[in-house]
């Protein structure tokens, strides 16, 4: 059951939204003022907060939104507003809202936008780091280190290492590497892979007791700290 908090001072509009959501099987709570809205937002878990842009007390919708974000609340927020100017939409997005819907609106559109926000919030976070034994790579900064020692990798070497890491403990064929790292759809009949693997080994394994990059004869390569478990000898 999805949980929605509706911070809206217009009783008719709030009732219209809450009743529609309840008919869909959701839990919907209505709050008419900003101060209590902030308290409820922080005290309980909500799938989405539906926030009116204009409220009668000292807190308008954008102030509430900024306060929630400053408190570290990342709950998706959909702002409802009669202010349809582009500048107002931009202000709402910059304040931290996840979606902005102008009044009047169809409940079907509100429902679809809420579903999209819930799906987005439930989606797994993108992988930023990968680790194998004492080897760690950061996909955001495109950096790598082993045992805390930074590895000076060229862009192609990083792509190669990242692909091997994504398929850790598996055998990666030459064809897979050509397609994923070099964007080739054919075999250029060169030793480009061997050269880059050799360079990568020199940076990842040289000086460390345990080698992580292994050659699987006649097939390809594997990044693993358990070479004895590969289906073919490394």
C-alpha atoms as a PDB file:
ATOM      1  CA  UNK A   1       0.000   0.000   0.000  1.00  0.00           C
ATOM      2  CA  UNK A   2       1.445   3.339  -1.044  1.00  0.00           C
ATOM      3  CA  UNK A   3       1.460   6.148   1.511  1.00  0.00           C
ATOM      4  CA  UNK A   4       0.820   9.724   0.430  1.00  0.00           C
ATOM      5  CA  UNK A   5       0.932  12.910   2.493  1.00  0.00           C
ATOM      6  CA  UNK A   6      -1.164  15.733   1.031  1.00  0.00           C
ATOM      7  CA  UNK A   7      -0.209  19.199   2.291  1.00  0.00           C
ATOM      8  CA  UNK A   8      -3.045  21.305   0.901  1.00  0.00           C
ATOM      9  CA  UNK A   9      -5.151  24.004   2.571  1.00  0.00           C
ATOM     10  CA  UNK A  10      -8.045  23.833   0.086  1.00  0.00           C
ATOM     11  CA  UNK A  11     -10.390  21.257   1.695  1.00  0.00           C
ATOM     12  CA  UNK A  12     -12.227  20.453  -1.546  1.00  0.00           C
ATOM     13  CA  UNK A  13      -9.043  19.873  -3.526  1.00  0.00           C
ATOM     14  CA  UNK A  14      -7.446  17.908  -0.702  1.00  0.00           C
ATOM     15  CA  UNK A  15     -10.553  15.718  -0.336  1.00  0.00           C
ATOM     16  CA  UNK A  16     -10.691  15.155  -4.100  1.00  0.00           C
ATOM     17  CA  UNK A  17      -7.080  13.960  -4.198  1.00  0.00           C
ATOM     18  CA  UNK A  18      -7.268  11.877  -1.028  1.00  0.00           C
ATOM     19  CA  UNK A  19     -10.478  10.115  -2.031  1.00  0.00           C
ATOM     20  CA  UNK A  20      -9.118   9.280  -5.475  1.00  0.00           C
ATOM     21  CA  UNK A  21      -5.954   7.802  -3.975  1.00  0.00           C
ATOM     22  CA  UNK A  22      -7.897   5.813  -1.386  1.00  0.00           C
ATOM     23  CA  UNK A  23     -10.062   4.333  -4.122  1.00  0.00           C
ATOM     24  CA  UNK A  24      -6.842   3.042  -5.653  1.00  0.00           C
ATOM     25  CA  UNK A  25      -6.028   1.302  -2.371  1.00  0.00           C
ATOM     26  CA  UNK A  26      -3.490   3.829  -1.126  1.00  0.00           C
ATOM     27  CA  UNK A  27      -3.184   5.426   2.306  1.00  0.00           C
ATOM     28  CA  UNK A  28      -3.656   9.209   2.051  1.00  0.00           C
ATOM     29  CA  UNK A  29      -3.337  11.712   4.882  1.00  0.00           C
ATOM     30  CA  UNK A  30      -4.335  15.355   4.524  1.00  0.00           C
ATOM     31  CA  UNK A  31      -2.598  18.208   6.316  1.00  0.00           C
ATOM     32  CA  UNK A  32      -3.750  21.826   5.895  1.00  0.00           C
ATOM     33  CA  UNK A  33      -0.795  23.789   7.266  1.00  0.00           C
ATOM     34  CA  UNK A  34       2.919  23.903   6.616  1.00  0.00           C
ATOM     35  CA  UNK A  35       4.235  23.555  10.162  1.00  0.00           C
ATOM     36  CA  UNK A  36       2.334  20.337  10.802  1.00  0.00           C
ATOM     37  CA  UNK A  37       3.180  19.218   7.278  1.00  0.00           C
ATOM     38  CA  UNK A  38       6.895  19.451   8.010  1.00  0.00           C
ATOM     39  CA  UNK A  39       6.423  17.553  11.282  1.00  0.00           C
ATOM     40  CA  UNK A  40       4.506  14.741   9.576  1.00  0.00           C
ATOM     41  CA  UNK A  41       6.973  14.613   6.691  1.00  0.00           C
ATOM     42  CA  UNK A  42       9.849  14.074   9.082  1.00  0.00           C
ATOM     43  CA  UNK A  43       8.096  11.816  11.596  1.00  0.00           C
ATOM     44  CA  UNK A  44       6.656   9.265   9.161  1.00  0.00           C
ATOM     45  CA  UNK A  45       7.617   7.467   5.965  1.00  0.00           C
ATOM     46  CA  UNK A  46       5.794   8.489   2.777  1.00  0.00           C
ATOM     47  CA  UNK A  47       6.091   7.274  -0.775  1.00  0.00           C
ATOM     48  CA  UNK A  48       5.304  10.743  -2.148  1.00  0.00           C
ATOM     49  CA  UNK A  49       4.453  14.108  -0.587  1.00  0.00           C
ATOM     50  CA  UNK A  50       1.877  16.128  -2.545  1.00  0.00           C
ATOM     51  CA  UNK A  51       2.590  19.742  -1.692  1.00  0.00           C
ATOM     52  CA  UNK A  52       0.501  22.812  -2.495  1.00  0.00           C
ATOM     53  CA  UNK A  53       2.614  25.734  -3.684  1.00  0.00           C
ATOM     54  CA  UNK A  54       0.567  28.413  -1.893  1.00  0.00           C
ATOM     55  CA  UNK A  55      -0.271  27.936   1.791  1.00  0.00           C
ATOM     56  CA  UNK A  56      -1.829  30.443   4.217  1.00  0.00           C
ATOM     57  CA  UNK A  57       0.702  30.340   7.055  1.00  0.00           C
ATOM     58  CA  UNK A  58       4.288  31.523   7.284  1.00  0.00           C
ATOM     59  CA  UNK A  59       5.515  28.580   5.235  1.00  0.00           C
ATOM     60  CA  UNK A  60       4.691  28.472   1.557  1.00  0.00           C
ATOM     61  CA  UNK A  61       5.254  25.304  -0.424  1.00  0.00           C
ATOM     62  CA  UNK A  62       8.779  26.137  -1.574  1.00  0.00           C
ATOM     63  CA  UNK A  63       9.865  27.024   1.959  1.00  0.00           C
ATOM     64  CA  UNK A  64       8.537  23.692   3.191  1.00  0.00           C
ATOM     65  CA  UNK A  65      10.355  21.923   0.397  1.00  0.00           C
ATOM     66  CA  UNK A  66      13.661  23.650   1.127  1.00  0.00           C
ATOM     67  CA  UNK A  67      13.271  22.856   4.824  1.00  0.00           C
ATOM     68  CA  UNK A  68      12.672  19.151   4.136  1.00  0.00           C
ATOM     69  CA  UNK A  69      15.683  18.920   1.839  1.00  0.00           C
ATOM     70  CA  UNK A  70      17.834  20.753   4.392  1.00  0.00           C
ATOM     71  CA  UNK A  71      16.752  18.190   6.987  1.00  0.00           C
ATOM     72  CA  UNK A  72      17.927  15.402   4.698  1.00  0.00           C
ATOM     73  CA  UNK A  73      14.465  14.140   3.696  1.00  0.00           C
ATOM     74  CA  UNK A  74      14.663  12.730   0.172  1.00  0.00           C
ATOM     75  CA  UNK A  75      11.012  11.701  -0.114  1.00  0.00           C
ATOM     76  CA  UNK A  76       9.724  12.457  -3.641  1.00  0.00           C
ATOM     77  CA  UNK A  77       7.681  15.674  -3.672  1.00  0.00           C
ATOM     78  CA  UNK A  78       5.101  16.665  -6.266  1.00  0.00           C
ATOM     79  CA  UNK A  79       4.211  20.351  -6.142  1.00  0.00           C
ATOM     80  CA  UNK A  80       0.694  21.478  -7.052  1.00  0.00           C
ATOM     81  CA  UNK A  81       0.329  25.087  -8.091  1.00  0.00           C
ATOM     82  CA  UNK A  82      -1.935  27.536  -9.834  1.00  0.00           C
ATOM     83  CA  UNK A  83       1.252  29.329 -10.924  1.00  0.00           C
ATOM     84  CA  UNK A  84       1.960  27.945 -14.365  1.00  0.00           C
ATOM     85  CA  UNK A  85       4.720  30.290 -15.552  1.00  0.00           C
ATOM     86  CA  UNK A  86       7.947  28.631 -16.593  1.00  0.00           C
ATOM     87  CA  UNK A  87       9.882  30.636 -13.991  1.00  0.00           C
ATOM     88  CA  UNK A  88       7.680  29.196 -11.242  1.00  0.00           C
ATOM     89  CA  UNK A  89       8.293  25.657 -12.463  1.00  0.00           C
ATOM     90  CA  UNK A  90      12.015  26.326 -12.482  1.00  0.00           C
ATOM     91  CA  UNK A  91      11.856  27.719  -8.941  1.00  0.00           C
ATOM     92  CA  UNK A  92      10.054  24.604  -7.782  1.00  0.00           C
ATOM     93  CA  UNK A  93      12.566  22.262  -9.368  1.00  0.00           C
ATOM     94  CA  UNK A  94      15.508  24.230  -8.008  1.00  0.00           C
ATOM     95  CA  UNK A  95      13.965  24.124  -4.544  1.00  0.00           C
ATOM     96  CA  UNK A  96      14.057  20.334  -4.725  1.00  0.00           C
ATOM     97  CA  UNK A  97      10.707  19.139  -6.022  1.00  0.00           C
ATOM     98  CA  UNK A  98      10.608  16.028  -8.190  1.00  0.00           C
ATOM     99  CA  UNK A  99       7.600  17.030 -10.288  1.00  0.00           C
ATOM    100  CA  UNK A 100       5.401  20.094 -10.775  1.00  0.00           C
ATOM    101  CA  UNK A 101       1.729  19.946 -11.756  1.00  0.00           C
ATOM    102  CA  UNK A 102      -0.368  23.036 -12.415  1.00  0.00           C
ATOM    103  CA  UNK A 103      -3.986  23.495 -11.379  1.00  0.00           C
ATOM    104  CA  UNK A 104      -6.534  22.625 -12.592  1.00  0.00           C
ATOM    105  CA  UNK A 105      -5.468  19.059 -13.343  1.00  0.00           C
ATOM    106  CA  UNK A 106      -7.067  15.736 -14.171  1.00  0.00           C
ATOM    107  CA  UNK A 107      -6.800  13.122 -11.437  1.00  0.00           C
ATOM    108  CA  UNK A 108      -5.637  10.595 -14.043  1.00  0.00           C
ATOM    109  CA  UNK A 109      -2.575  12.757 -14.775  1.00  0.00           C
ATOM    110  CA  UNK A 110      -1.846  13.244 -11.069  1.00  0.00           C
ATOM    111  CA  UNK A 111      -2.103   9.487 -10.539  1.00  0.00           C
ATOM    112  CA  UNK A 112       0.235   8.741 -13.444  1.00  0.00           C
ATOM    113  CA  UNK A 113       2.809  11.239 -12.176  1.00  0.00           C
ATOM    114  CA  UNK A 114       2.659   9.779  -8.665  1.00  0.00           C
ATOM    115  CA  UNK A 115       3.173   6.264 -10.014  1.00  0.00           C
ATOM    116  CA  UNK A 116       6.189   7.470 -11.983  1.00  0.00           C
ATOM    117  CA  UNK A 117       7.696   9.064  -8.863  1.00  0.00           C
ATOM    118  CA  UNK A 118       7.165   5.878  -6.843  1.00  0.00           C
ATOM    119  CA  UNK A 119       8.802   3.753  -9.552  1.00  0.00           C
ATOM    120  CA  UNK A 120      11.733   6.124  -9.763  1.00  0.00           C
ATOM    121  CA  UNK A 121      12.216   6.090  -5.989  1.00  0.00           C
ATOM    122  CA  UNK A 122      12.077   2.287  -5.871  1.00  0.00           C
ATOM    123  CA  UNK A 123      14.545   1.821  -8.713  1.00  0.00           C
ATOM    124  CA  UNK A 124      17.916   0.507  -7.542  1.00  0.00           C
ATOM    125  CA  UNK A 125      20.568   3.144  -7.162  1.00  0.00           C
ATOM    126  CA  UNK A 126      23.153   3.146  -9.930  1.00  0.00           C
ATOM    127  CA  UNK A 127      26.339   1.283  -9.131  1.00  0.00           C
ATOM    128  CA  UNK A 128      29.061   3.762  -8.271  1.00  0.00           C
ATOM    129  CA  UNK A 129      31.772   1.479  -6.967  1.00  0.00           C
ATOM    130  CA  UNK A 130      32.831  -2.104  -7.509  1.00  0.00           C
ATOM    131  CA  UNK A 131      35.238  -4.081  -5.383  1.00  0.00           C
ATOM    132  CA  UNK A 132      37.077  -7.366  -5.719  1.00  0.00           C
ATOM    133  CA  UNK A 133      39.512  -8.415  -2.995  1.00  0.00           C
ATOM    134  CA  UNK A 134      41.626  -5.265  -2.424  1.00  0.00           C
ATOM    135  CA  UNK A 135      40.858  -3.836  -5.866  1.00  0.00           C
ATOM    136  CA  UNK A 136      38.301  -1.020  -6.004  1.00  0.00           C
ATOM    137  CA  UNK A 137      37.054   1.065  -8.921  1.00  0.00           C
ATOM    138  CA  UNK A 138      34.810   4.122  -8.888  1.00  0.00           C
ATOM    139  CA  UNK A 139      32.612   4.415 -11.972  1.00  0.00           C
ATOM    140  CA  UNK A 140      31.719   8.034 -11.265  1.00  0.00           C
ATOM    141  CA  UNK A 141      35.254   9.382 -10.942  1.00  0.00           C
ATOM    142  CA  UNK A 142      36.654   6.734 -13.302  1.00  0.00           C
ATOM    143  CA  UNK A 143      39.414   5.963 -10.831  1.00  0.00           C
ATOM    144  CA  UNK A 144      40.838   2.736  -9.466  1.00  0.00           C
ATOM    145  CA  UNK A 145      43.004   1.676  -6.562  1.00  0.00           C
ATOM    146  CA  UNK A 146      44.454  -1.498  -5.146  1.00  0.00           C
ATOM    147  CA  UNK A 147      45.160  -1.869  -1.455  1.00  0.00           C
ATOM    148  CA  UNK A 148      44.618   1.883  -1.228  1.00  0.00           C
ATOM    149  CA  UNK A 149      47.230   2.629  -3.903  1.00  0.00           C
ATOM    150  CA  UNK A 150      45.853   4.676  -6.848  1.00  0.00           C
ATOM    151  CA  UNK A 151      46.232   3.048 -10.270  1.00  0.00           C
ATOM    152  CA  UNK A 152      47.181   5.354 -13.144  1.00  0.00           C
ATOM    153  CA  UNK A 153      44.904   3.994 -15.855  1.00  0.00           C
ATOM    154  CA  UNK A 154      44.374   5.330 -19.354  1.00  0.00           C
ATOM    155  CA  UNK A 155      40.704   5.676 -20.449  1.00  0.00           C
ATOM    156  CA  UNK A 156      40.763   2.452 -22.463  1.00  0.00           C
ATOM    157  CA  UNK A 157      42.454   0.599 -19.629  1.00  0.00           C
ATOM    158  CA  UNK A 158      39.766   1.799 -17.228  1.00  0.00           C
ATOM    159  CA  UNK A 159      37.006   0.614 -19.598  1.00  0.00           C
ATOM    160  CA  UNK A 160      38.737  -2.744 -19.864  1.00  0.00           C
ATOM    161  CA  UNK A 161      39.118  -3.106 -16.107  1.00  0.00           C
ATOM    162  CA  UNK A 162      35.525  -1.989 -15.490  1.00  0.00           C
ATOM    163  CA  UNK A 163      34.198  -4.579 -17.938  1.00  0.00           C
ATOM    164  CA  UNK A 164      36.284  -7.320 -16.329  1.00  0.00           C
ATOM    165  CA  UNK A 165      35.046  -6.197 -12.913  1.00  0.00           C
ATOM    166  CA  UNK A 166      31.421  -6.284 -14.064  1.00  0.00           C
ATOM    167  CA  UNK A 167      32.011  -9.912 -15.047  1.00  0.00           C
ATOM    168  CA  UNK A 168      34.178 -10.846 -12.077  1.00  0.00           C
ATOM    169  CA  UNK A 169      34.758 -14.589 -11.584  1.00  0.00           C
ATOM    170  CA  UNK A 170      33.499 -15.223 -15.135  1.00  0.00           C
ATOM    171  CA  UNK A 171      35.359 -15.969 -18.343  1.00  0.00           C
ATOM    172  CA  UNK A 172      35.295 -13.010 -20.713  1.00  0.00           C
ATOM    173  CA  UNK A 173      35.957 -13.874 -24.351  1.00  0.00           C
ATOM    174  CA  UNK A 174      37.972 -11.826 -26.811  1.00  0.00           C
ATOM    175  CA  UNK A 175      34.802 -11.170 -28.800  1.00  0.00           C
ATOM    176  CA  UNK A 176      33.083  -9.758 -25.717  1.00  0.00           C
ATOM    177  CA  UNK A 177      36.022  -7.441 -25.074  1.00  0.00           C
ATOM    178  CA  UNK A 178      36.220  -6.267 -28.677  1.00  0.00           C
ATOM    179  CA  UNK A 179      32.518  -5.372 -28.672  1.00  0.00           C
ATOM    180  CA  UNK A 180      32.312  -3.811 -25.194  1.00  0.00           C
ATOM    181  CA  UNK A 181      35.653  -2.013 -24.921  1.00  0.00           C
ATOM    182  CA  UNK A 182      36.611  -1.292 -28.534  1.00  0.00           C
ATOM    183  CA  UNK A 183      33.130  -1.154 -30.111  1.00  0.00           C
ATOM    184  CA  UNK A 184      34.251  -3.612 -32.797  1.00  0.00           C
ATOM    185  CA  UNK A 185      31.738  -5.937 -34.398  1.00  0.00           C
ATOM    186  CA  UNK A 186      34.495  -7.875 -36.108  1.00  0.00           C
ATOM    187  CA  UNK A 187      37.894  -9.297 -35.191  1.00  0.00           C
ATOM    188  CA  UNK A 188      40.595  -6.906 -36.456  1.00  0.00           C
ATOM    189  CA  UNK A 189      43.110  -9.753 -36.319  1.00  0.00           C
ATOM    190  CA  UNK A 190      45.501  -7.742 -34.169  1.00  0.00           C
ATOM    191  CA  UNK A 191      47.004  -8.252 -30.726  1.00  0.00           C
ATOM    192  CA  UNK A 192      45.340  -5.107 -29.360  1.00  0.00           C
ATOM    193  CA  UNK A 193      43.639  -7.031 -26.535  1.00  0.00           C
ATOM    194  CA  UNK A 194      46.833  -8.830 -25.521  1.00  0.00           C
ATOM    195  CA  UNK A 195      48.737  -5.548 -25.417  1.00  0.00           C
ATOM    196  CA  UNK A 196      46.150  -3.818 -23.245  1.00  0.00           C
ATOM    197  CA  UNK A 197      45.726  -6.810 -20.925  1.00  0.00           C
ATOM    198  CA  UNK A 198      49.508  -6.888 -20.484  1.00  0.00           C
ATOM    199  CA  UNK A 199      49.574  -3.188 -19.614  1.00  0.00           C
ATOM    200  CA  UNK A 200      46.646  -3.586 -17.262  1.00  0.00           C
ATOM    201  CA  UNK A 201      48.313  -6.507 -15.513  1.00  0.00           C
ATOM    202  CA  UNK A 202      51.388  -4.362 -15.003  1.00  0.00           C
ATOM    203  CA  UNK A 203      49.281  -1.807 -13.151  1.00  0.00           C
ATOM    204  CA  UNK A 204      46.792  -4.037 -11.327  1.00  0.00           C
ATOM    205  CA  UNK A 205      48.903  -7.071 -10.389  1.00  0.00           C
ATOM    206  CA  UNK A 206      52.557  -6.005 -10.440  1.00  0.00           C
ATOM    207  CA  UNK A 207      53.917  -5.651  -6.926  1.00  0.00           C
ATOM    208  CA  UNK A 208      50.995  -7.450  -5.319  1.00  0.00           C
ATOM    209  CA  UNK A 209      51.143 -10.975  -3.958  1.00  0.00           C
ATOM    210  CA  UNK A 210      47.843 -12.173  -5.438  1.00  0.00           C
ATOM    211  CA  UNK A 211      47.285 -11.805  -9.199  1.00  0.00           C
ATOM    212  CA  UNK A 212      43.720 -10.954 -10.171  1.00  0.00           C
ATOM    213  CA  UNK A 213      43.821 -10.941 -13.993  1.00  0.00           C
ATOM    214  CA  UNK A 214      44.037 -14.458 -15.417  1.00  0.00           C
ATOM    215  CA  UNK A 215      44.327 -15.809 -18.947  1.00  0.00           C
ATOM    216  CA  UNK A 216      42.044 -18.685 -19.882  1.00  0.00           C
ATOM    217  CA  UNK A 217      43.923 -20.328 -22.738  1.00  0.00           C
ATOM    218  CA  UNK A 218      42.089 -20.394 -26.014  1.00  0.00           C
ATOM    219  CA  UNK A 219      39.069 -18.587 -24.587  1.00  0.00           C
ATOM    220  CA  UNK A 220      39.792 -15.227 -23.004  1.00  0.00           C
ATOM    221  CA  UNK A 221      40.396 -13.725 -19.584  1.00  0.00           C
ATOM    222  CA  UNK A 222      38.952 -13.513 -16.097  1.00  0.00           C
ATOM    223  CA  UNK A 223      39.231 -11.109 -13.203  1.00  0.00           C
ATOM    224  CA  UNK A 224      39.020 -13.213 -10.067  1.00  0.00           C
ATOM    225  CA  UNK A 225      40.653 -13.925  -6.748  1.00  0.00           C
ATOM    226  CA  UNK A 226      39.457 -17.524  -7.028  1.00  0.00           C
ATOM    227  CA  UNK A 227      41.169 -18.824 -10.191  1.00  0.00           C
ATOM    228  CA  UNK A 228      40.823 -22.437  -9.084  1.00  0.00           C
ATOM    229  CA  UNK A 229      37.034 -22.123  -9.470  1.00  0.00           C
ATOM    230  CA  UNK A 230      37.175 -21.163 -13.152  1.00  0.00           C
ATOM    231  CA  UNK A 231      35.744 -23.871 -15.427  1.00  0.00           C
ATOM    232  CA  UNK A 232      39.027 -23.906 -17.367  1.00  0.00           C
ATOM    233  CA  UNK A 233      42.539 -23.585 -16.026  1.00  0.00           C
ATOM    234  CA  UNK A 234      43.991 -20.079 -15.907  1.00  0.00           C
END
